Amino acid sequence: MDAFTAGLLQRIQTTETDLSRARDEGDEFLVEVELGELDDLRRLAAEHGVEVGATGV
């Protein structure tokens, strides 16, 4: 796995963790921010052929 792929997958994992925390805390604004970031990261992964496992988020 190259550095780009590893970094992208790490950013996705971190964003998913942050999203879960925001949901647990009831922070609606932060949930929306994290969902937007996650969408962007997943789109970037798809554009570069990086497979992202399904998380149910």
C-alpha atoms as a PDB file:
ATOM      1  CA  MET A   1       0.000   0.000   0.000  1.00  0.00           C
ATOM      2  CA  ASP A   2       1.415   3.372  -0.960  1.00  0.00           C
ATOM      3  CA  ALA A   3       1.550   6.410   1.319  1.00  0.00           C
ATOM      4  CA  PHE A   4      -1.367   8.145  -0.422  1.00  0.00           C
ATOM      5  CA  THR A   5      -3.675   5.163   0.082  1.00  0.00           C
ATOM      6  CA  ALA A   6      -2.594   4.619   3.673  1.00  0.00           C
ATOM      7  CA  GLY A   7      -3.041   8.288   4.505  1.00  0.00           C
ATOM      8  CA  LEU A   8      -6.453   8.455   2.870  1.00  0.00           C
ATOM      9  CA  LEU A   9      -7.689   5.366   4.681  1.00  0.00           C
ATOM     10  CA  GLN A  10      -6.374   6.760   7.976  1.00  0.00           C
ATOM     11  CA  ARG A  11      -8.186  10.060   7.395  1.00  0.00           C
ATOM     12  CA  ILE A  12     -11.407   8.170   6.666  1.00  0.00           C
ATOM     13  CA  GLN A  13     -11.043   6.124   9.850  1.00  0.00           C
ATOM     14  CA  THR A  14     -10.327   9.232  11.917  1.00  0.00           C
ATOM     15  CA  THR A  15     -13.307  11.057  10.421  1.00  0.00           C
ATOM     16  CA  GLU A  16     -15.586   8.085  11.140  1.00  0.00           C
ATOM     17  CA  THR A  17     -14.390   8.103  14.765  1.00  0.00           C
ATOM     18  CA  ASP A  18     -14.975  11.860  15.019  1.00  0.00           C
ATOM     19  CA  LEU A  19     -18.437  11.431  13.493  1.00  0.00           C
ATOM     20  CA  SER A  20     -19.338   8.759  16.022  1.00  0.00           C
ATOM     21  CA  ARG A  21     -18.148  10.981  18.872  1.00  0.00           C
ATOM     22  CA  ALA A  22     -20.155  13.943  17.553  1.00  0.00           C
ATOM     23  CA  ARG A  23     -23.274  11.764  17.349  1.00  0.00           C
ATOM     24  CA  ASP A  24     -22.712  10.467  20.896  1.00  0.00           C
ATOM     25  CA  GLU A  25     -22.360  14.038  22.157  1.00  0.00           C
ATOM     26  CA  GLY A  26     -25.453  15.206  20.265  1.00  0.00           C
ATOM     27  CA  ASP A  27     -23.497  17.867  18.363  1.00  0.00           C
ATOM     28  CA  GLU A  28     -25.682  18.246  15.265  1.00  0.00           C
ATOM     29  CA  PHE A  29     -23.431  20.823  13.625  1.00  0.00           C
ATOM     30  CA  LEU A  30     -20.299  18.730  14.018  1.00  0.00           C
ATOM     31  CA  VAL A  31     -22.176  15.670  12.713  1.00  0.00           C
ATOM     32  CA  GLU A  32     -22.937  17.570   9.508  1.00  0.00           C
ATOM     33  CA  VAL A  33     -19.342  18.762   9.200  1.00  0.00           C
ATOM     34  CA  GLU A  34     -17.963  15.250   9.663  1.00  0.00           C
ATOM     35  CA  LEU A  35     -20.481  13.764   7.212  1.00  0.00           C
ATOM     36  CA  GLY A  36     -19.383  16.293   4.602  1.00  0.00           C
ATOM     37  CA  GLU A  37     -15.734  15.482   5.220  1.00  0.00           C
ATOM     38  CA  LEU A  38     -16.453  11.758   5.000  1.00  0.00           C
ATOM     39  CA  ASP A  39     -18.301  12.211   1.709  1.00  0.00           C
ATOM     40  CA  ASP A  40     -15.356  14.162   0.294  1.00  0.00           C
ATOM     41  CA  LEU A  41     -12.840  11.549   1.428  1.00  0.00           C
ATOM     42  CA  ARG A  42     -14.891   8.676   0.037  1.00  0.00           C
ATOM     43  CA  ARG A  43     -15.273  10.501  -3.282  1.00  0.00           C
ATOM     44  CA  LEU A  44     -11.507  11.066  -3.395  1.00  0.00           C
ATOM     45  CA  ALA A  45     -10.928   7.389  -2.663  1.00  0.00           C
ATOM     46  CA  ALA A  46     -13.293   6.352  -5.460  1.00  0.00           C
ATOM     47  CA  GLU A  47     -11.613   8.713  -7.923  1.00  0.00           C
ATOM     48  CA  HIS A  48      -8.266   7.057  -7.178  1.00  0.00           C
ATOM     49  CA  GLY A  49      -9.481   3.478  -7.071  1.00  0.00           C
ATOM     50  CA  VAL A  50      -9.020   3.105  -3.318  1.00  0.00           C
ATOM     51  CA  GLU A  51     -11.487   0.583  -1.927  1.00  0.00           C
ATOM     52  CA  VAL A  52     -13.063   1.628   1.349  1.00  0.00           C
ATOM     53  CA  GLY A  53     -14.774  -0.980   3.501  1.00  0.00           C
ATOM     54  CA  ALA A  54     -18.445  -0.521   4.352  1.00  0.00           C
ATOM     55  CA  THR A  55     -18.843   0.945   7.819  1.00  0.00           C
ATOM     56  CA  GLY A  56     -22.542   1.550   8.126  1.00  0.00           C
ATOM     57  CA  VAL A  57     -21.970   5.215   8.958  1.00  0.00           C
END
